Amino acid sequence: MSDAEANTADTLIFTQKIRELGCLVSLCSFSGNPESLNLLDKMKVDFLKIDGSLVCNILRDEEDLDKVKSINQLAHKAEIRTIAELVETDDIIVKLKEIGVDYAQGFGVAMPHPFKDLES
């Protein structure tokens, strides 16, 4: 996210070119701060990856839970799918499903695998 914010013009050109190739665009580590909202207004994305520092605390911190809910609602209103980063436990998975987050990634979903071990 910070790279995209620091190089907004280059990011917009890159995302346009990558879309022309038929690729989808994901904006990672989205936290809903003013800078990330500003960037989201300027570029078209297919996925918002909700910052893991918020996701991992949603069961302990009401403020982080509210932020995740708000980001998810904002994304869905804009017809952008959401991905929760740093999903570590089954309880967090359950809460994310309740909220309506579209996808999850992290050790709570699956451990990393070498490419050679993945089925194609």
N, C-alpha and C. Protein backbone atom coordinates (compact mmCIF):
# COMPACT_ATOMS: atom_id res chain seq x y z
N MET A 1 0.82 -1.18 0.00
CA MET A 1 0.00 0.00 0.00
C MET A 1 0.86 1.25 0.00
N SER A 2 1.90 1.30 0.84
CA SER A 2 2.72 2.50 0.93
C SER A 2 3.46 2.78 -0.37
N ASP A 3 3.88 1.72 -1.09
CA ASP A 3 4.53 1.91 -2.39
C ASP A 3 3.57 2.56 -3.37
N ALA A 4 2.34 2.10 -3.38
CA ALA A 4 1.34 2.66 -4.30
C ALA A 4 1.04 4.12 -3.95
N GLU A 5 0.99 4.43 -2.66
CA GLU A 5 0.74 5.80 -2.23
C GLU A 5 1.91 6.71 -2.61
N ALA A 6 3.13 6.20 -2.45
CA ALA A 6 4.32 7.02 -2.72
C ALA A 6 4.52 7.25 -4.22
N ASN A 7 4.01 6.36 -5.04
CA ASN A 7 4.20 6.44 -6.49
C ASN A 7 2.86 6.35 -7.21
N THR A 8 1.95 7.22 -6.83
CA THR A 8 0.58 7.14 -7.34
C THR A 8 0.52 7.18 -8.86
N ALA A 9 1.23 8.09 -9.50
CA ALA A 9 1.17 8.21 -10.96
C ALA A 9 1.63 6.91 -11.62
N ASP A 10 2.74 6.37 -11.16
CA ASP A 10 3.25 5.12 -11.72
C ASP A 10 2.29 3.96 -11.44
N THR A 11 1.70 3.96 -10.26
CA THR A 11 0.75 2.91 -9.90
C THR A 11 -0.47 2.93 -10.82
N LEU A 12 -0.97 4.11 -11.11
CA LEU A 12 -2.14 4.22 -11.98
C LEU A 12 -1.82 3.74 -13.39
N ILE A 13 -0.64 4.08 -13.89
CA ILE A 13 -0.22 3.61 -15.22
C ILE A 13 -0.07 2.10 -15.21
N PHE A 14 0.59 1.57 -14.18
CA PHE A 14 0.79 0.13 -14.09
C PHE A 14 -0.54 -0.62 -14.05
N THR A 15 -1.47 -0.16 -13.21
CA THR A 15 -2.75 -0.88 -13.10
C THR A 15 -3.53 -0.83 -14.41
N GLN A 16 -3.44 0.29 -15.10
CA GLN A 16 -4.12 0.39 -16.40
C GLN A 16 -3.51 -0.61 -17.39
N LYS A 17 -2.19 -0.67 -17.45
CA LYS A 17 -1.51 -1.57 -18.39
C LYS A 17 -1.79 -3.04 -18.05
N ILE A 18 -1.77 -3.36 -16.78
CA ILE A 18 -1.98 -4.74 -16.36
C ILE A 18 -3.42 -5.18 -16.64
N ARG A 19 -4.36 -4.26 -16.51
CA ARG A 19 -5.76 -4.55 -16.86
C ARG A 19 -5.90 -4.81 -18.35
N GLU A 20 -5.16 -4.06 -19.16
CA GLU A 20 -5.21 -4.25 -20.60
C GLU A 20 -4.74 -5.66 -20.99
N LEU A 21 -3.90 -6.26 -20.15
CA LEU A 21 -3.44 -7.64 -20.38
C LEU A 21 -4.45 -8.67 -19.89
N GLY A 22 -5.51 -8.20 -19.23
CA GLY A 22 -6.54 -9.11 -18.74
C GLY A 22 -6.36 -9.53 -17.29
N CYS A 23 -5.44 -8.90 -16.59
CA CYS A 23 -5.19 -9.25 -15.18
C CYS A 23 -6.14 -8.47 -14.27
N LEU A 24 -6.35 -9.02 -13.08
CA LEU A 24 -7.11 -8.35 -12.04
C LEU A 24 -6.14 -7.62 -11.12
N VAL A 25 -6.64 -6.61 -10.42
CA VAL A 25 -5.79 -5.78 -9.57
C VAL A 25 -6.26 -5.89 -8.12
N SER A 26 -5.28 -6.05 -7.24
CA SER A 26 -5.54 -6.11 -5.81
C SER A 26 -4.75 -5.01 -5.11
N LEU A 27 -5.40 -4.32 -4.19
CA LEU A 27 -4.74 -3.31 -3.37
C LEU A 27 -4.52 -3.92 -2.00
N CYS A 28 -3.26 -4.11 -1.64
CA CYS A 28 -2.90 -4.83 -0.42
C CYS A 28 -2.79 -3.91 0.79
N SER A 29 -2.95 -4.50 1.96
CA SER A 29 -2.77 -3.83 3.25
C SER A 29 -3.63 -2.59 3.39
N PHE A 30 -4.86 -2.68 2.95
CA PHE A 30 -5.80 -1.56 3.02
C PHE A 30 -6.27 -1.39 4.45
N SER A 31 -6.12 -0.18 4.98
CA SER A 31 -6.49 0.06 6.38
C SER A 31 -7.63 1.07 6.54
N GLY A 32 -8.02 1.70 5.45
CA GLY A 32 -9.09 2.68 5.54
C GLY A 32 -8.65 4.05 5.99
N ASN A 33 -7.34 4.27 6.10
CA ASN A 33 -6.86 5.60 6.48
C ASN A 33 -7.07 6.57 5.32
N PRO A 34 -6.98 7.86 5.55
CA PRO A 34 -7.24 8.83 4.48
C PRO A 34 -6.39 8.62 3.22
N GLU A 35 -5.14 8.24 3.40
CA GLU A 35 -4.26 8.03 2.25
C GLU A 35 -4.75 6.86 1.39
N SER A 36 -5.13 5.76 2.06
CA SER A 36 -5.59 4.60 1.30
C SER A 36 -6.93 4.87 0.64
N LEU A 37 -7.80 5.63 1.29
CA LEU A 37 -9.08 6.00 0.68
C LEU A 37 -8.86 6.89 -0.54
N ASN A 38 -7.90 7.80 -0.45
CA ASN A 38 -7.56 8.68 -1.57
C ASN A 38 -7.07 7.86 -2.76
N LEU A 39 -6.21 6.89 -2.50
CA LEU A 39 -5.70 6.04 -3.57
C LEU A 39 -6.82 5.22 -4.19
N LEU A 40 -7.71 4.70 -3.37
CA LEU A 40 -8.82 3.91 -3.87
C LEU A 40 -9.73 4.73 -4.77
N ASP A 41 -9.89 6.01 -4.48
CA ASP A 41 -10.69 6.90 -5.33
C ASP A 41 -10.07 7.08 -6.71
N LYS A 42 -8.76 6.95 -6.80
CA LYS A 42 -8.06 7.21 -8.05
C LYS A 42 -7.89 6.00 -8.94
N MET A 43 -7.92 4.81 -8.38
CA MET A 43 -7.63 3.63 -9.20
C MET A 43 -8.74 2.58 -9.09
N LYS A 44 -8.89 1.81 -10.15
CA LYS A 44 -9.88 0.73 -10.18
C LYS A 44 -9.19 -0.55 -9.71
N VAL A 45 -9.76 -1.16 -8.69
CA VAL A 45 -9.23 -2.43 -8.19
C VAL A 45 -10.35 -3.46 -8.16
N ASP A 46 -9.94 -4.71 -8.22
CA ASP A 46 -10.89 -5.83 -8.15
C ASP A 46 -11.00 -6.40 -6.74
N PHE A 47 -9.90 -6.28 -5.99
CA PHE A 47 -9.83 -6.83 -4.64
C PHE A 47 -9.19 -5.81 -3.71
N LEU A 48 -9.72 -5.74 -2.50
CA LEU A 48 -9.08 -4.99 -1.42
C LEU A 48 -8.63 -6.01 -0.39
N LYS A 49 -7.35 -6.01 -0.09
CA LYS A 49 -6.84 -6.89 0.95
C LYS A 49 -6.81 -6.10 2.25
N ILE A 50 -7.67 -6.50 3.17
CA ILE A 50 -7.80 -5.79 4.44
C ILE A 50 -6.57 -6.06 5.29
N ASP A 51 -5.96 -4.99 5.77
CA ASP A 51 -4.70 -5.05 6.50
C ASP A 51 -4.75 -6.08 7.63
N GLY A 52 -3.76 -6.96 7.66
CA GLY A 52 -3.69 -8.02 8.65
C GLY A 52 -3.57 -7.51 10.08
N SER A 53 -3.00 -6.32 10.27
CA SER A 53 -2.88 -5.79 11.63
C SER A 53 -4.26 -5.50 12.22
N LEU A 54 -5.25 -5.24 11.37
CA LEU A 54 -6.63 -5.07 11.83
C LEU A 54 -7.29 -6.43 12.02
N VAL A 55 -7.12 -7.30 11.03
CA VAL A 55 -7.81 -8.60 11.02
C VAL A 55 -7.43 -9.44 12.23
N CYS A 56 -6.15 -9.49 12.57
CA CYS A 56 -5.72 -10.38 13.66
C CYS A 56 -6.24 -9.94 15.02
N ASN A 57 -6.77 -8.73 15.12
CA ASN A 57 -7.26 -8.22 16.41
C ASN A 57 -8.78 -8.13 16.51
N ILE A 58 -9.52 -8.59 15.50
CA ILE A 58 -10.97 -8.34 15.50
C ILE A 58 -11.73 -9.01 16.64
N LEU A 59 -11.14 -10.02 17.26
CA LEU A 59 -11.82 -10.68 18.38
C LEU A 59 -11.51 -10.02 19.71
N ARG A 60 -10.49 -9.16 19.75
CA ARG A 60 -10.06 -8.52 21.00
C ARG A 60 -10.27 -7.01 21.01
N ASP A 61 -10.42 -6.42 19.84
CA ASP A 61 -10.43 -4.96 19.75
C ASP A 61 -11.64 -4.52 18.93
N GLU A 62 -12.60 -3.93 19.62
CA GLU A 62 -13.85 -3.51 18.97
C GLU A 62 -13.60 -2.48 17.87
N GLU A 63 -12.61 -1.61 18.07
CA GLU A 63 -12.29 -0.59 17.07
C GLU A 63 -11.77 -1.24 15.77
N ASP A 64 -10.90 -2.24 15.91
CA ASP A 64 -10.41 -2.94 14.72
C ASP A 64 -11.54 -3.72 14.03
N LEU A 65 -12.42 -4.31 14.81
CA LEU A 65 -13.57 -5.01 14.25
C LEU A 65 -14.44 -4.04 13.45
N ASP A 66 -14.69 -2.87 14.00
CA ASP A 66 -15.49 -1.87 13.30
C ASP A 66 -14.81 -1.41 12.01
N LYS A 67 -13.49 -1.25 12.05
CA LYS A 67 -12.75 -0.85 10.84
C LYS A 67 -12.87 -1.91 9.76
N VAL A 68 -12.73 -3.18 10.13
CA VAL A 68 -12.85 -4.27 9.15
C VAL A 68 -14.25 -4.28 8.56
N LYS A 69 -15.27 -4.12 9.40
CA LYS A 69 -16.64 -4.06 8.90
C LYS A 69 -16.82 -2.90 7.93
N SER A 70 -16.32 -1.73 8.29
CA SER A 70 -16.46 -0.54 7.45
C SER A 70 -15.74 -0.71 6.11
N ILE A 71 -14.53 -1.25 6.15
CA ILE A 71 -13.78 -1.47 4.91
C ILE A 71 -14.53 -2.44 4.01
N ASN A 72 -15.05 -3.51 4.60
CA ASN A 72 -15.78 -4.50 3.82
C ASN A 72 -17.03 -3.88 3.18
N GLN A 73 -17.76 -3.08 3.95
CA GLN A 73 -18.96 -2.42 3.41
C GLN A 73 -18.60 -1.44 2.30
N LEU A 74 -17.57 -0.65 2.51
CA LEU A 74 -17.11 0.31 1.51
C LEU A 74 -16.73 -0.41 0.21
N ALA A 75 -15.98 -1.48 0.34
CA ALA A 75 -15.56 -2.23 -0.84
C ALA A 75 -16.76 -2.82 -1.58
N HIS A 76 -17.66 -3.43 -0.85
CA HIS A 76 -18.82 -4.06 -1.48
C HIS A 76 -19.72 -3.05 -2.17
N LYS A 77 -19.85 -1.85 -1.59
CA LYS A 77 -20.63 -0.79 -2.25
C LYS A 77 -20.00 -0.41 -3.58
N ALA A 78 -18.67 -0.50 -3.65
CA ALA A 78 -17.95 -0.17 -4.88
C ALA A 78 -17.77 -1.40 -5.78
N GLU A 79 -18.43 -2.50 -5.41
CA GLU A 79 -18.34 -3.76 -6.16
C GLU A 79 -16.91 -4.28 -6.24
N ILE A 80 -16.21 -4.18 -5.11
CA ILE A 80 -14.85 -4.69 -4.96
C ILE A 80 -14.91 -5.84 -3.95
N ARG A 81 -14.30 -6.96 -4.31
CA ARG A 81 -14.25 -8.10 -3.40
C ARG A 81 -13.16 -7.89 -2.36
N THR A 82 -13.36 -8.48 -1.17
CA THR A 82 -12.43 -8.29 -0.07
C THR A 82 -11.70 -9.57 0.29
N ILE A 83 -10.46 -9.39 0.73
CA ILE A 83 -9.60 -10.48 1.19
C ILE A 83 -9.04 -10.06 2.54
N ALA A 84 -9.23 -10.87 3.56
CA ALA A 84 -8.66 -10.60 4.88
C ALA A 84 -7.26 -11.21 4.94
N GLU A 85 -6.28 -10.39 5.31
CA GLU A 85 -4.91 -10.85 5.49
C GLU A 85 -4.71 -11.33 6.92
N LEU A 86 -3.70 -12.18 7.12
CA LEU A 86 -3.27 -12.62 8.45
C LEU A 86 -4.35 -13.33 9.24
N VAL A 87 -5.11 -14.17 8.58
CA VAL A 87 -6.16 -14.94 9.25
C VAL A 87 -5.48 -16.14 9.91
N GLU A 88 -5.49 -16.16 11.24
CA GLU A 88 -4.70 -17.14 11.98
C GLU A 88 -5.51 -18.22 12.69
N THR A 89 -6.80 -17.99 12.94
CA THR A 89 -7.57 -18.96 13.73
C THR A 89 -8.95 -19.21 13.11
N ASP A 90 -9.52 -20.33 13.52
CA ASP A 90 -10.89 -20.66 13.09
C ASP A 90 -11.90 -19.63 13.59
N ASP A 91 -11.69 -19.11 14.80
CA ASP A 91 -12.61 -18.11 15.36
C ASP A 91 -12.61 -16.84 14.51
N ILE A 92 -11.45 -16.45 14.01
CA ILE A 92 -11.38 -15.27 13.14
C ILE A 92 -12.08 -15.56 11.82
N ILE A 93 -11.92 -16.78 11.31
CA ILE A 93 -12.60 -17.16 10.07
C ILE A 93 -14.11 -17.04 10.25
N VAL A 94 -14.62 -17.53 11.36
CA VAL A 94 -16.06 -17.46 11.64
C VAL A 94 -16.53 -16.01 11.67
N LYS A 95 -15.77 -15.14 12.35
CA LYS A 95 -16.16 -13.72 12.45
C LYS A 95 -16.12 -13.06 11.07
N LEU A 96 -15.11 -13.36 10.27
CA LEU A 96 -15.02 -12.78 8.93
C LEU A 96 -16.19 -13.21 8.05
N LYS A 97 -16.61 -14.46 8.19
CA LYS A 97 -17.79 -14.93 7.45
C LYS A 97 -19.03 -14.16 7.88
N GLU A 98 -19.17 -13.93 9.19
CA GLU A 98 -20.31 -13.15 9.71
C GLU A 98 -20.33 -11.75 9.10
N ILE A 99 -19.16 -11.15 9.01
CA ILE A 99 -19.03 -9.79 8.47
C ILE A 99 -19.33 -9.77 6.98
N GLY A 100 -19.02 -10.87 6.29
CA GLY A 100 -19.25 -10.94 4.86
C GLY A 100 -18.01 -10.74 4.00
N VAL A 101 -16.83 -10.84 4.62
CA VAL A 101 -15.58 -10.76 3.86
C VAL A 101 -15.56 -11.92 2.87
N ASP A 102 -15.11 -11.65 1.65
CA ASP A 102 -15.18 -12.64 0.57
C ASP A 102 -14.14 -13.75 0.65
N TYR A 103 -12.91 -13.40 0.99
CA TYR A 103 -11.81 -14.37 1.00
C TYR A 103 -10.93 -14.14 2.21
N ALA A 104 -10.16 -15.17 2.56
CA ALA A 104 -9.22 -15.08 3.67
C ALA A 104 -7.91 -15.73 3.27
N GLN A 105 -6.82 -15.19 3.80
CA GLN A 105 -5.52 -15.81 3.60
C GLN A 105 -4.76 -15.75 4.92
N GLY A 106 -4.00 -16.77 5.17
CA GLY A 106 -3.20 -16.82 6.39
C GLY A 106 -3.07 -18.24 6.88
N PHE A 107 -2.28 -18.43 7.94
CA PHE A 107 -2.02 -19.76 8.48
C PHE A 107 -3.28 -20.45 8.97
N GLY A 108 -4.31 -19.68 9.33
CA GLY A 108 -5.58 -20.27 9.77
C GLY A 108 -6.35 -20.91 8.63
N VAL A 109 -5.99 -20.55 7.40
CA VAL A 109 -6.64 -21.12 6.22
C VAL A 109 -5.80 -22.29 5.71
N ALA A 110 -4.52 -22.04 5.52
CA ALA A 110 -3.61 -23.08 5.05
C ALA A 110 -2.18 -22.62 5.26
N MET A 111 -1.32 -23.57 5.51
CA MET A 111 0.11 -23.27 5.63
C MET A 111 0.67 -23.05 4.23
N PRO A 112 1.74 -22.28 4.11
CA PRO A 112 2.37 -22.08 2.80
C PRO A 112 2.92 -23.40 2.26
N HIS A 113 2.86 -23.54 0.95
CA HIS A 113 3.36 -24.74 0.28
C HIS A 113 4.29 -24.34 -0.85
N PRO A 114 5.34 -25.13 -1.08
CA PRO A 114 6.15 -24.88 -2.27
C PRO A 114 5.30 -25.11 -3.52
N PHE A 115 5.58 -24.38 -4.57
CA PHE A 115 4.81 -24.53 -5.81
C PHE A 115 4.81 -25.98 -6.28
N LYS A 116 5.93 -26.65 -6.13
CA LYS A 116 6.02 -28.04 -6.64
C LYS A 116 5.06 -28.98 -5.92
N ASP A 117 4.61 -28.61 -4.71
CA ASP A 117 3.68 -29.46 -3.96
C ASP A 117 2.21 -29.15 -4.25
N LEU A 118 1.94 -28.09 -4.97
CA LEU A 118 0.57 -27.70 -5.29
C LEU A 118 0.08 -28.43 -6.52
N GLU A 119 -1.18 -28.83 -6.49
CA GLU A 119 -1.78 -29.46 -7.66
C GLU A 119 -2.05 -28.39 -8.70
N SER A 120 -1.89 -28.76 -9.96
CA SER A 120 -2.18 -27.76 -11.00
C SER A 120 -3.50 -28.02 -11.66
